Amino acid sequence: MNPVIRYIMKTKNSISITTFTLIFALAMALGACNQVHSPGKPPKGEKEIKLPCSGKHFAGDKKFFRVNSSGESLDQVTSKKKALSNAKGEMAGAINSTMKVLGDNFVESTEFNNTEEILEKFVENSRTIVSQQLIGTKTVCEMLTKTKAGKYKTYLAIELPGEEITSAIYDKLKTKEWLKVDYKYEKFKDDFEREMEKFENSN
């Protein structure tokens, strides 16, 4: 039983009916705030749209970065190129955001005096490597449609293993002259995995 309601039941004889009613309503409202409700049916007059190559199955998790996108064109090949370009752009943004957090963690764990400069170099190097790694993205879902306007529309989802990103970035960073600390790969990987878990929970 809700602890607030339990307290009310014990003391209801010493408070007025009006006060009891107000407190009871408040307790019920607070209980409702903690419940998770399903979205249910769309509002009247509206229809739910389920996009191809989207949904939980194609969302990122703690092992893979995954994004989905679409592209539209009068040309079939161009529609796919647009979809792939859009998806890679979204993925680059997601990975770079994660790298920024890892860079902050890295700087905090060291004793550099020029922390801002080091962080800037860390992020800059990470972005370069991410751009190179995006070439190896894998398409895990693809659908080609034709709109009423006669245009081709490509839906797709791509993924990239988080571990490949981690290894590539760490291997590159450890060769840099400005990285003069013994920054362990396991520490870097642990931080990365924590951020991947956050990424998974956000989807």
N, C-alpha and C. Protein backbone atom coordinates (compact mmCIF):
# COMPACT_ATOMS: atom_id res chain seq x y z
N MET A 1 0.84 -1.20 0.00
CA MET A 1 0.00 0.00 0.00
C MET A 1 0.87 1.24 0.00
N ASN A 2 0.41 2.25 -0.71
CA ASN A 2 1.12 3.53 -0.74
C ASN A 2 1.33 4.03 0.69
N PRO A 3 2.57 4.39 1.10
CA PRO A 3 2.84 4.82 2.47
C PRO A 3 2.05 6.05 2.89
N VAL A 4 1.76 6.93 1.95
CA VAL A 4 0.97 8.10 2.28
C VAL A 4 -0.45 7.69 2.64
N ILE A 5 -1.01 6.75 1.86
CA ILE A 5 -2.37 6.27 2.14
C ILE A 5 -2.41 5.54 3.47
N ARG A 6 -1.34 4.74 3.77
CA ARG A 6 -1.28 4.01 5.04
C ARG A 6 -1.32 4.98 6.22
N TYR A 7 -0.57 6.05 6.07
CA TYR A 7 -0.54 7.07 7.14
C TYR A 7 -1.91 7.69 7.31
N ILE A 8 -2.58 7.97 6.19
CA ILE A 8 -3.90 8.60 6.24
C ILE A 8 -4.89 7.69 6.94
N MET A 9 -4.84 6.38 6.66
CA MET A 9 -5.78 5.43 7.24
C MET A 9 -5.61 5.37 8.76
N LYS A 10 -4.35 5.57 9.23
CA LYS A 10 -4.10 5.52 10.67
C LYS A 10 -4.59 6.78 11.37
N THR A 11 -4.57 7.88 10.66
CA THR A 11 -4.87 9.16 11.32
C THR A 11 -6.15 9.81 10.84
N LYS A 12 -6.96 9.11 10.06
CA LYS A 12 -8.12 9.75 9.45
C LYS A 12 -9.16 10.20 10.50
N ASN A 13 -9.18 9.57 11.67
CA ASN A 13 -10.14 9.96 12.69
C ASN A 13 -9.83 11.32 13.29
N SER A 14 -8.59 11.78 13.14
CA SER A 14 -8.18 13.05 13.76
C SER A 14 -8.17 14.20 12.77
N ILE A 15 -8.57 13.96 11.52
CA ILE A 15 -8.60 15.04 10.54
C ILE A 15 -9.99 15.13 9.93
N SER A 16 -10.30 16.26 9.38
CA SER A 16 -11.63 16.46 8.82
C SER A 16 -11.78 15.68 7.53
N ILE A 17 -13.03 15.48 7.12
CA ILE A 17 -13.32 14.76 5.89
C ILE A 17 -12.73 15.49 4.69
N THR A 18 -12.84 16.83 4.72
CA THR A 18 -12.32 17.63 3.60
C THR A 18 -10.82 17.47 3.46
N THR A 19 -10.11 17.53 4.59
CA THR A 19 -8.66 17.38 4.56
C THR A 19 -8.28 15.99 4.11
N PHE A 20 -9.02 15.00 4.60
CA PHE A 20 -8.76 13.62 4.21
C PHE A 20 -8.90 13.44 2.70
N THR A 21 -9.95 14.02 2.16
CA THR A 21 -10.21 13.90 0.72
C THR A 21 -9.09 14.52 -0.10
N LEU A 22 -8.62 15.70 0.34
CA LEU A 22 -7.55 16.39 -0.39
C LEU A 22 -6.25 15.60 -0.36
N ILE A 23 -5.90 15.09 0.81
CA ILE A 23 -4.66 14.33 0.94
C ILE A 23 -4.75 13.02 0.16
N PHE A 24 -5.92 12.39 0.20
CA PHE A 24 -6.09 11.13 -0.52
C PHE A 24 -5.93 11.36 -2.03
N ALA A 25 -6.50 12.45 -2.52
CA ALA A 25 -6.40 12.76 -3.95
C ALA A 25 -4.95 13.03 -4.34
N LEU A 26 -4.21 13.73 -3.44
CA LEU A 26 -2.81 14.02 -3.69
C LEU A 26 -1.99 12.73 -3.74
N ALA A 27 -2.28 11.82 -2.82
CA ALA A 27 -1.56 10.54 -2.77
C ALA A 27 -1.80 9.73 -4.04
N MET A 28 -3.03 9.73 -4.51
CA MET A 28 -3.35 8.99 -5.72
C MET A 28 -2.66 9.61 -6.94
N ALA A 29 -2.58 10.94 -6.94
CA ALA A 29 -1.93 11.64 -8.06
C ALA A 29 -0.45 11.33 -8.10
N LEU A 30 0.20 11.31 -6.90
CA LEU A 30 1.61 11.00 -6.83
C LEU A 30 1.87 9.57 -7.27
N GLY A 31 0.98 8.67 -6.93
CA GLY A 31 1.13 7.28 -7.35
C GLY A 31 1.01 7.15 -8.85
N ALA A 32 0.11 7.94 -9.43
CA ALA A 32 -0.07 7.88 -10.88
C ALA A 32 1.15 8.39 -11.62
N CYS A 33 1.88 9.34 -11.01
CA CYS A 33 3.07 9.90 -11.66
C CYS A 33 4.16 8.86 -11.84
N ASN A 34 4.16 7.82 -10.98
CA ASN A 34 5.21 6.81 -11.03
C ASN A 34 4.88 5.68 -12.00
N GLN A 35 3.67 5.70 -12.59
CA GLN A 35 3.27 4.63 -13.49
C GLN A 35 3.70 4.97 -14.91
N VAL A 36 4.09 3.93 -15.65
CA VAL A 36 4.45 4.09 -17.06
C VAL A 36 3.27 3.64 -17.90
N HIS A 37 2.75 4.54 -18.70
CA HIS A 37 1.57 4.22 -19.51
C HIS A 37 1.97 3.91 -20.94
N SER A 38 1.27 2.95 -21.54
CA SER A 38 1.51 2.65 -22.95
C SER A 38 0.91 3.77 -23.79
N PRO A 39 1.47 4.03 -24.97
CA PRO A 39 0.96 5.11 -25.78
C PRO A 39 -0.48 4.91 -26.24
N GLY A 40 -0.92 3.63 -26.32
CA GLY A 40 -2.28 3.38 -26.73
C GLY A 40 -2.51 3.71 -28.20
N LYS A 41 -3.75 3.98 -28.56
CA LYS A 41 -4.09 4.28 -29.95
C LYS A 41 -3.85 5.75 -30.25
N PRO A 42 -3.58 6.08 -31.51
CA PRO A 42 -3.40 7.48 -31.90
C PRO A 42 -4.68 8.27 -31.68
N PRO A 43 -4.60 9.59 -31.54
CA PRO A 43 -5.80 10.42 -31.38
C PRO A 43 -6.75 10.24 -32.56
N LYS A 44 -8.00 10.52 -32.37
CA LYS A 44 -9.01 10.36 -33.40
C LYS A 44 -8.66 11.22 -34.62
N GLY A 45 -8.76 10.63 -35.78
CA GLY A 45 -8.46 11.36 -36.99
C GLY A 45 -7.01 11.26 -37.43
N GLU A 46 -6.19 10.61 -36.58
CA GLU A 46 -4.78 10.44 -36.92
C GLU A 46 -4.45 8.95 -37.06
N LYS A 47 -3.40 8.67 -37.82
CA LYS A 47 -2.99 7.30 -38.06
C LYS A 47 -1.51 7.14 -37.74
N GLU A 48 -1.18 6.10 -36.98
CA GLU A 48 0.21 5.84 -36.63
C GLU A 48 0.99 5.40 -37.87
N ILE A 49 2.18 5.97 -38.03
CA ILE A 49 3.04 5.62 -39.15
C ILE A 49 4.26 4.87 -38.63
N LYS A 50 4.46 3.67 -39.10
CA LYS A 50 5.63 2.88 -38.74
C LYS A 50 6.60 2.87 -39.91
N LEU A 51 7.70 3.57 -39.74
CA LEU A 51 8.68 3.68 -40.81
C LEU A 51 9.48 2.38 -40.98
N PRO A 52 9.77 2.00 -42.21
CA PRO A 52 10.61 0.82 -42.44
C PRO A 52 12.00 1.02 -41.85
N CYS A 53 12.62 -0.07 -41.45
CA CYS A 53 13.99 -0.05 -40.91
C CYS A 53 14.13 0.81 -39.66
N SER A 54 13.06 0.93 -38.89
CA SER A 54 13.11 1.70 -37.65
C SER A 54 12.52 0.87 -36.53
N GLY A 55 12.53 1.41 -35.35
CA GLY A 55 12.00 0.69 -34.19
C GLY A 55 13.11 0.12 -33.33
N LYS A 56 12.72 -0.54 -32.28
CA LYS A 56 13.68 -1.02 -31.28
C LYS A 56 14.70 -2.00 -31.86
N HIS A 57 14.28 -2.81 -32.83
CA HIS A 57 15.18 -3.81 -33.40
C HIS A 57 16.37 -3.17 -34.12
N PHE A 58 16.17 -1.96 -34.61
CA PHE A 58 17.23 -1.27 -35.35
C PHE A 58 17.80 -0.09 -34.57
N ALA A 59 17.57 -0.07 -33.26
CA ALA A 59 18.12 0.98 -32.40
C ALA A 59 19.50 0.58 -31.90
N GLY A 60 20.32 1.55 -31.57
CA GLY A 60 21.65 1.26 -31.05
C GLY A 60 21.59 0.57 -29.70
N ASP A 61 22.62 -0.21 -29.39
CA ASP A 61 22.71 -0.85 -28.09
C ASP A 61 24.14 -0.72 -27.58
N LYS A 62 24.48 -1.47 -26.53
CA LYS A 62 25.80 -1.31 -25.92
C LYS A 62 26.94 -1.91 -26.76
N LYS A 63 26.61 -2.61 -27.83
CA LYS A 63 27.64 -3.18 -28.69
C LYS A 63 27.73 -2.50 -30.06
N PHE A 64 26.63 -1.94 -30.51
CA PHE A 64 26.61 -1.35 -31.85
C PHE A 64 26.00 0.06 -31.86
N PHE A 65 26.60 0.92 -32.65
CA PHE A 65 25.95 2.17 -33.00
C PHE A 65 25.03 1.82 -34.16
N ARG A 66 23.76 2.19 -34.08
CA ARG A 66 22.83 1.96 -35.18
C ARG A 66 21.98 3.20 -35.39
N VAL A 67 21.77 3.55 -36.64
CA VAL A 67 20.89 4.66 -36.98
C VAL A 67 20.10 4.29 -38.22
N ASN A 68 18.98 4.96 -38.42
CA ASN A 68 18.20 4.74 -39.64
C ASN A 68 17.85 6.08 -40.26
N SER A 69 17.64 6.07 -41.56
CA SER A 69 17.32 7.30 -42.27
C SER A 69 16.67 6.95 -43.60
N SER A 70 16.36 7.99 -44.38
CA SER A 70 15.75 7.76 -45.69
C SER A 70 16.23 8.82 -46.67
N GLY A 71 16.07 8.53 -47.93
CA GLY A 71 16.45 9.47 -48.99
C GLY A 71 15.48 9.36 -50.14
N GLU A 72 15.17 10.48 -50.75
CA GLU A 72 14.17 10.50 -51.82
C GLU A 72 14.71 11.20 -53.05
N SER A 73 14.42 10.64 -54.22
CA SER A 73 14.90 11.22 -55.47
C SER A 73 14.15 10.63 -56.65
N LEU A 74 14.19 11.33 -57.77
CA LEU A 74 13.61 10.80 -59.00
C LEU A 74 14.44 9.65 -59.55
N ASP A 75 15.69 9.58 -59.08
CA ASP A 75 16.61 8.53 -59.50
C ASP A 75 16.76 7.50 -58.37
N GLN A 76 16.65 6.23 -58.72
CA GLN A 76 16.70 5.17 -57.71
C GLN A 76 18.04 5.13 -56.96
N VAL A 77 19.13 5.19 -57.70
CA VAL A 77 20.46 5.13 -57.08
C VAL A 77 20.70 6.35 -56.18
N THR A 78 20.27 7.51 -56.65
CA THR A 78 20.45 8.73 -55.87
C THR A 78 19.68 8.68 -54.55
N SER A 79 18.51 8.08 -54.57
CA SER A 79 17.72 7.98 -53.34
C SER A 79 18.47 7.17 -52.29
N LYS A 80 19.15 6.10 -52.73
CA LYS A 80 19.93 5.29 -51.79
C LYS A 80 21.14 6.05 -51.28
N LYS A 81 21.81 6.78 -52.20
CA LYS A 81 22.97 7.57 -51.78
C LYS A 81 22.58 8.61 -50.74
N LYS A 82 21.43 9.24 -50.93
CA LYS A 82 20.96 10.24 -49.97
C LYS A 82 20.67 9.61 -48.61
N ALA A 83 20.00 8.45 -48.65
CA ALA A 83 19.67 7.76 -47.40
C ALA A 83 20.93 7.38 -46.64
N LEU A 84 21.92 6.86 -47.37
CA LEU A 84 23.17 6.43 -46.74
C LEU A 84 23.94 7.62 -46.20
N SER A 85 23.96 8.71 -46.95
CA SER A 85 24.65 9.92 -46.50
C SER A 85 24.00 10.48 -45.24
N ASN A 86 22.67 10.51 -45.22
CA ASN A 86 21.95 11.01 -44.04
C ASN A 86 22.23 10.13 -42.82
N ALA A 87 22.20 8.81 -43.03
CA ALA A 87 22.43 7.88 -41.93
C ALA A 87 23.84 8.01 -41.37
N LYS A 88 24.83 8.12 -42.25
CA LYS A 88 26.21 8.25 -41.80
C LYS A 88 26.42 9.57 -41.06
N GLY A 89 25.73 10.61 -41.50
CA GLY A 89 25.82 11.88 -40.80
C GLY A 89 25.29 11.78 -39.38
N GLU A 90 24.16 11.10 -39.23
CA GLU A 90 23.58 10.91 -37.90
C GLU A 90 24.49 10.05 -37.02
N MET A 91 25.06 9.00 -37.62
CA MET A 91 25.93 8.12 -36.85
C MET A 91 27.19 8.86 -36.40
N ALA A 92 27.76 9.66 -37.30
CA ALA A 92 28.95 10.43 -36.94
C ALA A 92 28.66 11.35 -35.77
N GLY A 93 27.49 11.97 -35.79
CA GLY A 93 27.11 12.85 -34.68
C GLY A 93 27.00 12.10 -33.36
N ALA A 94 26.39 10.91 -33.40
CA ALA A 94 26.23 10.10 -32.18
C ALA A 94 27.57 9.66 -31.63
N ILE A 95 28.46 9.20 -32.53
CA ILE A 95 29.78 8.72 -32.08
C ILE A 95 30.63 9.88 -31.56
N ASN A 96 30.61 11.00 -32.26
CA ASN A 96 31.41 12.15 -31.82
C ASN A 96 30.95 12.69 -30.47
N SER A 97 29.65 12.61 -30.21
CA SER A 97 29.15 13.03 -28.89
C SER A 97 29.70 12.12 -27.80
N THR A 98 29.75 10.83 -28.11
CA THR A 98 30.31 9.86 -27.16
C THR A 98 31.80 10.11 -26.95
N MET A 99 32.51 10.41 -28.03
CA MET A 99 33.95 10.68 -27.94
C MET A 99 34.24 11.94 -27.10
N LYS A 100 33.33 12.92 -27.19
CA LYS A 100 33.51 14.15 -26.40
C LYS A 100 33.48 13.82 -24.91
N VAL A 101 32.55 12.95 -24.51
CA VAL A 101 32.46 12.53 -23.10
C VAL A 101 33.71 11.76 -22.70
N LEU A 102 34.19 10.87 -23.57
CA LEU A 102 35.40 10.11 -23.29
C LEU A 102 36.61 11.04 -23.18
N GLY A 103 36.62 12.08 -24.01
CA GLY A 103 37.71 13.06 -23.93
C GLY A 103 37.71 13.78 -22.60
N ASP A 104 36.53 14.14 -22.12
CA ASP A 104 36.42 14.79 -20.80
C ASP A 104 36.93 13.86 -19.71
N ASN A 105 36.54 12.58 -19.79
CA ASN A 105 37.00 11.60 -18.79
C ASN A 105 38.51 11.43 -18.85
N PHE A 106 39.05 11.43 -20.06
CA PHE A 106 40.48 11.26 -20.25
C PHE A 106 41.26 12.42 -19.62
N VAL A 107 40.83 13.63 -19.90
CA VAL A 107 41.51 14.81 -19.37
C VAL A 107 41.44 14.84 -17.84
N GLU A 108 40.28 14.47 -17.30
CA GLU A 108 40.11 14.47 -15.84
C GLU A 108 41.02 13.45 -15.16
N SER A 109 41.36 12.38 -15.87
CA SER A 109 42.17 11.32 -15.27
C SER A 109 43.68 11.58 -15.41
N THR A 110 44.04 12.69 -16.01
CA THR A 110 45.45 13.01 -16.20
C THR A 110 45.81 14.27 -15.42
N GLU A 111 47.08 14.66 -15.51
CA GLU A 111 47.55 15.85 -14.79
C GLU A 111 48.10 16.90 -15.77
N PHE A 112 47.47 16.97 -16.94
CA PHE A 112 47.90 17.96 -17.91
C PHE A 112 47.59 19.36 -17.42
N ASN A 113 48.48 20.29 -17.72
CA ASN A 113 48.22 21.69 -17.38
C ASN A 113 47.36 22.35 -18.47
N ASN A 114 47.61 22.00 -19.71
CA ASN A 114 46.87 22.57 -20.84
C ASN A 114 45.69 21.68 -21.23
N THR A 115 44.76 21.50 -20.30
CA THR A 115 43.65 20.56 -20.50
C THR A 115 42.78 20.90 -21.71
N GLU A 116 42.54 22.17 -21.94
CA GLU A 116 41.68 22.55 -23.07
C GLU A 116 42.32 22.16 -24.40
N GLU A 117 43.60 22.37 -24.51
CA GLU A 117 44.32 22.02 -25.73
C GLU A 117 44.33 20.51 -25.95
N ILE A 118 44.56 19.77 -24.86
CA ILE A 118 44.59 18.31 -24.95
C ILE A 118 43.22 17.77 -25.35
N LEU A 119 42.17 18.32 -24.76
CA LEU A 119 40.81 17.88 -25.08
C LEU A 119 40.50 18.16 -26.55
N GLU A 120 40.92 19.32 -27.01
CA GLU A 120 40.69 19.69 -28.42
C GLU A 120 41.39 18.71 -29.36
N LYS A 121 42.62 18.34 -29.02
CA LYS A 121 43.36 17.38 -29.84
C LYS A 121 42.70 16.00 -29.79
N PHE A 122 42.24 15.61 -28.62
CA PHE A 122 41.58 14.32 -28.44
C PHE A 122 40.36 14.24 -29.35
N VAL A 123 39.51 15.25 -29.28
CA VAL A 123 38.28 15.27 -30.07
C VAL A 123 38.58 15.35 -31.56
N GLU A 124 39.58 16.16 -31.92
CA GLU A 124 39.95 16.32 -33.32
C GLU A 124 40.43 15.00 -33.93
N ASN A 125 41.28 14.29 -33.20
CA ASN A 125 41.77 13.00 -33.66
C ASN A 125 40.64 11.98 -33.74
N SER A 126 39.75 12.03 -32.77
CA SER A 126 38.62 11.09 -32.76
C SER A 126 37.74 11.29 -33.98
N ARG A 127 37.47 12.54 -34.33
CA ARG A 127 36.62 12.83 -35.48
C ARG A 127 37.23 12.30 -36.78
N THR A 128 38.54 12.46 -36.89
CA THR A 128 39.24 11.96 -38.10
C THR A 128 39.07 10.46 -38.22
N ILE A 129 39.23 9.76 -37.10
CA ILE A 129 39.14 8.30 -37.10
C ILE A 129 37.70 7.85 -37.35
N VAL A 130 36.75 8.57 -36.77
CA VAL A 130 35.34 8.23 -36.97
C VAL A 130 34.99 8.33 -38.46
N SER A 131 35.47 9.37 -39.11
CA SER A 131 35.22 9.55 -40.54
C SER A 131 35.76 8.37 -41.35
N GLN A 132 36.93 7.88 -40.94
CA GLN A 132 37.52 6.73 -41.63
C GLN A 132 36.73 5.45 -41.35
N GLN A 133 36.27 5.30 -40.11
CA GLN A 133 35.54 4.09 -39.74
C GLN A 133 34.16 4.01 -40.38
N LEU A 134 33.58 5.15 -40.70
CA LEU A 134 32.24 5.15 -41.29
C LEU A 134 32.20 4.46 -42.65
N ILE A 135 33.36 4.33 -43.27
CA ILE A 135 33.43 3.62 -44.55
C ILE A 135 33.02 2.16 -44.35
N GLY A 136 33.28 1.63 -43.16
CA GLY A 136 32.99 0.22 -42.89
C GLY A 136 31.63 -0.05 -42.29
N THR A 137 30.71 0.90 -42.37
CA THR A 137 29.37 0.66 -41.83
C THR A 137 28.67 -0.46 -42.59
N LYS A 138 27.83 -1.19 -41.89
CA LYS A 138 27.10 -2.31 -42.48
C LYS A 138 25.62 -1.96 -42.56
N THR A 139 25.03 -2.16 -43.73
CA THR A 139 23.59 -1.93 -43.88
C THR A 139 22.85 -3.16 -43.36
N VAL A 140 21.99 -2.96 -42.37
CA VAL A 140 21.28 -4.09 -41.75
C VAL A 140 19.81 -4.13 -42.15
N CYS A 141 19.35 -3.11 -42.84
CA CYS A 141 17.97 -3.10 -43.31
C CYS A 141 17.87 -2.12 -44.48
N GLU A 142 17.11 -2.50 -45.48
CA GLU A 142 16.94 -1.61 -46.64
C GLU A 142 15.61 -1.89 -47.33
N MET A 143 14.91 -0.82 -47.69
CA MET A 143 13.66 -0.97 -48.43
C MET A 143 13.53 0.17 -49.43
N LEU A 144 13.17 -0.18 -50.66
CA LEU A 144 12.98 0.81 -51.71
C LEU A 144 11.50 0.91 -52.05
N THR A 145 10.96 2.13 -52.05
CA THR A 145 9.56 2.34 -52.39
C THR A 145 9.45 3.41 -53.47
N LYS A 146 8.26 3.53 -53.99
CA LYS A 146 8.00 4.59 -54.98
C LYS A 146 6.79 5.38 -54.51
N THR A 147 6.93 6.68 -54.42
CA THR A 147 5.87 7.54 -53.90
C THR A 147 4.81 7.81 -54.97
N LYS A 148 3.70 8.40 -54.53
CA LYS A 148 2.64 8.76 -55.46
C LYS A 148 3.12 9.78 -56.48
N ALA A 149 4.12 10.56 -56.09
CA ALA A 149 4.66 11.58 -56.99
C ALA A 149 5.64 10.98 -58.00
N GLY A 150 5.86 9.67 -57.91
CA GLY A 150 6.75 9.01 -58.86
C GLY A 150 8.21 9.04 -58.47
N LYS A 151 8.50 9.42 -57.22
CA LYS A 151 9.88 9.46 -56.75
C LYS A 151 10.25 8.14 -56.06
N TYR A 152 11.53 7.81 -56.10
CA TYR A 152 12.03 6.65 -55.37
C TYR A 152 12.40 7.09 -53.95
N LYS A 153 12.09 6.23 -52.99
CA LYS A 153 12.43 6.53 -51.60
C LYS A 153 13.09 5.31 -50.98
N THR A 154 14.29 5.50 -50.48
CA THR A 154 15.03 4.41 -49.87
C THR A 154 15.06 4.58 -48.35
N TYR A 155 14.66 3.54 -47.63
CA TYR A 155 14.76 3.50 -46.17
C TYR A 155 15.88 2.52 -45.84
N LEU A 156 16.72 2.88 -44.90
CA LEU A 156 17.76 1.93 -44.50
C LEU A 156 18.23 2.19 -43.07
N ALA A 157 18.86 1.18 -42.51
CA ALA A 157 19.47 1.28 -41.19
C ALA A 157 20.89 0.74 -41.29
N ILE A 158 21.83 1.41 -40.65
CA ILE A 158 23.22 0.97 -40.69
C ILE A 158 23.74 0.79 -39.27
N GLU A 159 24.81 0.01 -39.14
CA GLU A 159 25.41 -0.21 -37.84
C GLU A 159 26.93 -0.23 -37.94
N LEU A 160 27.56 0.02 -36.81
CA LEU A 160 29.01 -0.01 -36.71
C LEU A 160 29.37 -0.52 -35.31
N PRO A 161 30.20 -1.57 -35.21
CA PRO A 161 30.55 -2.12 -33.89
C PRO A 161 31.30 -1.11 -33.04
N GLY A 162 30.85 -0.95 -31.82
CA GLY A 162 31.50 0.00 -30.91
C GLY A 162 32.94 -0.37 -30.62
N GLU A 163 33.22 -1.68 -30.55
CA GLU A 163 34.57 -2.13 -30.22
C GLU A 163 35.58 -1.74 -31.30
N GLU A 164 35.14 -1.74 -32.56
CA GLU A 164 36.04 -1.32 -33.63
C GLU A 164 36.42 0.15 -33.50
N ILE A 165 35.43 0.95 -33.12
CA ILE A 165 35.69 2.38 -32.92
C ILE A 165 36.68 2.57 -31.78
N THR A 166 36.45 1.86 -30.68
CA THR A 166 37.32 1.98 -29.51
C THR A 166 38.76 1.65 -29.85
N SER A 167 38.97 0.51 -30.49
CA SER A 167 40.32 0.06 -30.82
C SER A 167 41.02 1.03 -31.77
N ALA A 168 40.29 1.47 -32.80
CA ALA A 168 40.89 2.37 -33.80
C ALA A 168 41.31 3.68 -33.17
N ILE A 169 40.44 4.24 -32.33
CA ILE A 169 40.76 5.53 -31.71
C ILE A 169 41.91 5.40 -30.73
N TYR A 170 41.87 4.36 -29.91
CA TYR A 170 42.95 4.18 -28.93
C TYR A 170 44.29 3.94 -29.62
N ASP A 171 44.30 3.09 -30.64
CA ASP A 171 45.56 2.80 -31.35
C ASP A 171 46.14 4.06 -31.97
N LYS A 172 45.29 4.93 -32.45
CA LYS A 172 45.75 6.17 -33.07
C LYS A 172 46.26 7.15 -32.01
N LEU A 173 45.52 7.26 -30.92
CA LEU A 173 45.88 8.22 -29.88
C LEU A 173 47.21 7.89 -29.21
N LYS A 174 47.47 6.62 -29.01
CA LYS A 174 48.69 6.24 -28.27
C LYS A 174 49.97 6.50 -29.06
N THR A 175 49.83 6.79 -30.37
CA THR A 175 51.02 7.10 -31.17
C THR A 175 51.33 8.60 -31.16
N LYS A 176 50.46 9.40 -30.57
CA LYS A 176 50.64 10.84 -30.58
C LYS A 176 51.66 11.29 -29.53
N GLU A 177 52.51 12.21 -29.91
CA GLU A 177 53.56 12.70 -29.02
C GLU A 177 52.99 13.42 -27.80
N TRP A 178 51.87 14.11 -28.01
CA TRP A 178 51.30 14.87 -26.89
C TRP A 178 50.65 13.97 -25.85
N LEU A 179 50.45 12.69 -26.19
CA LEU A 179 49.87 11.77 -25.23
C LEU A 179 50.99 11.11 -24.44
N LYS A 180 51.46 11.79 -23.42
CA LYS A 180 52.64 11.33 -22.69
C LYS A 180 52.29 10.70 -21.35
N VAL A 181 51.12 10.10 -21.28
CA VAL A 181 50.72 9.41 -20.06
C VAL A 181 50.38 7.97 -20.41
N ASP A 182 50.48 7.11 -19.44
CA ASP A 182 50.19 5.70 -19.65
C ASP A 182 48.69 5.48 -19.47
N TYR A 183 47.95 5.82 -20.50
CA TYR A 183 46.48 5.73 -20.45
C TYR A 183 46.06 4.34 -20.92
N LYS A 184 45.65 3.51 -20.01
CA LYS A 184 45.37 2.10 -20.29
C LYS A 184 44.15 1.92 -21.20
N TYR A 185 44.28 0.95 -22.08
CA TYR A 185 43.19 0.64 -23.00
C TYR A 185 41.96 0.17 -22.24
N GLU A 186 42.15 -0.64 -21.20
CA GLU A 186 41.02 -1.17 -20.44
C GLU A 186 40.21 -0.04 -19.80
N LYS A 187 40.90 0.98 -19.32
CA LYS A 187 40.22 2.13 -18.74
C LYS A 187 39.41 2.84 -19.82
N PHE A 188 40.03 3.05 -20.97
CA PHE A 188 39.37 3.70 -22.09
C PHE A 188 38.15 2.90 -22.54
N LYS A 189 38.31 1.57 -22.61
CA LYS A 189 37.23 0.69 -23.04
C LYS A 189 36.08 0.69 -22.04
N ASP A 190 36.41 0.67 -20.74
CA ASP A 190 35.37 0.69 -19.71
C ASP A 190 34.54 1.96 -19.81
N ASP A 191 35.22 3.09 -19.99
CA ASP A 191 34.51 4.37 -20.12
C ASP A 191 33.60 4.34 -21.36
N PHE A 192 34.14 3.77 -22.43
CA PHE A 192 33.39 3.70 -23.67
C PHE A 192 32.14 2.83 -23.50
N GLU A 193 32.28 1.69 -22.84
CA GLU A 193 31.16 0.78 -22.64
C GLU A 193 30.07 1.41 -21.78
N ARG A 194 30.48 2.21 -20.81
CA ARG A 194 29.49 2.91 -19.98
C ARG A 194 28.67 3.89 -20.83
N GLU A 195 29.36 4.58 -21.73
CA GLU A 195 28.66 5.52 -22.60
C GLU A 195 27.76 4.79 -23.59
N MET A 196 28.18 3.60 -24.03
CA MET A 196 27.35 2.81 -24.93
C MET A 196 26.07 2.34 -24.24
N GLU A 197 26.17 2.04 -22.97
CA GLU A 197 24.99 1.64 -22.21
C GLU A 197 24.01 2.81 -22.12
N LYS A 198 24.53 4.02 -21.94
CA LYS A 198 23.68 5.20 -21.92
C LYS A 198 23.01 5.38 -23.28
N PHE A 199 23.81 5.13 -24.33
CA PHE A 199 23.30 5.25 -25.70
C PHE A 199 22.15 4.27 -25.93
N GLU A 200 22.33 3.04 -25.41
CA GLU A 200 21.29 2.04 -25.56
C GLU A 200 20.02 2.43 -24.81
N ASN A 201 20.18 2.95 -23.60
CA ASN A 201 19.01 3.31 -22.79
C ASN A 201 18.27 4.52 -23.33
N SER A 202 18.97 5.31 -24.15
CA SER A 202 18.32 6.51 -24.70
C SER A 202 17.47 6.19 -25.92
N ASN A 203 17.59 4.97 -26.44
CA ASN A 203 16.83 4.60 -27.64
C ASN A 203 15.53 3.91 -27.27
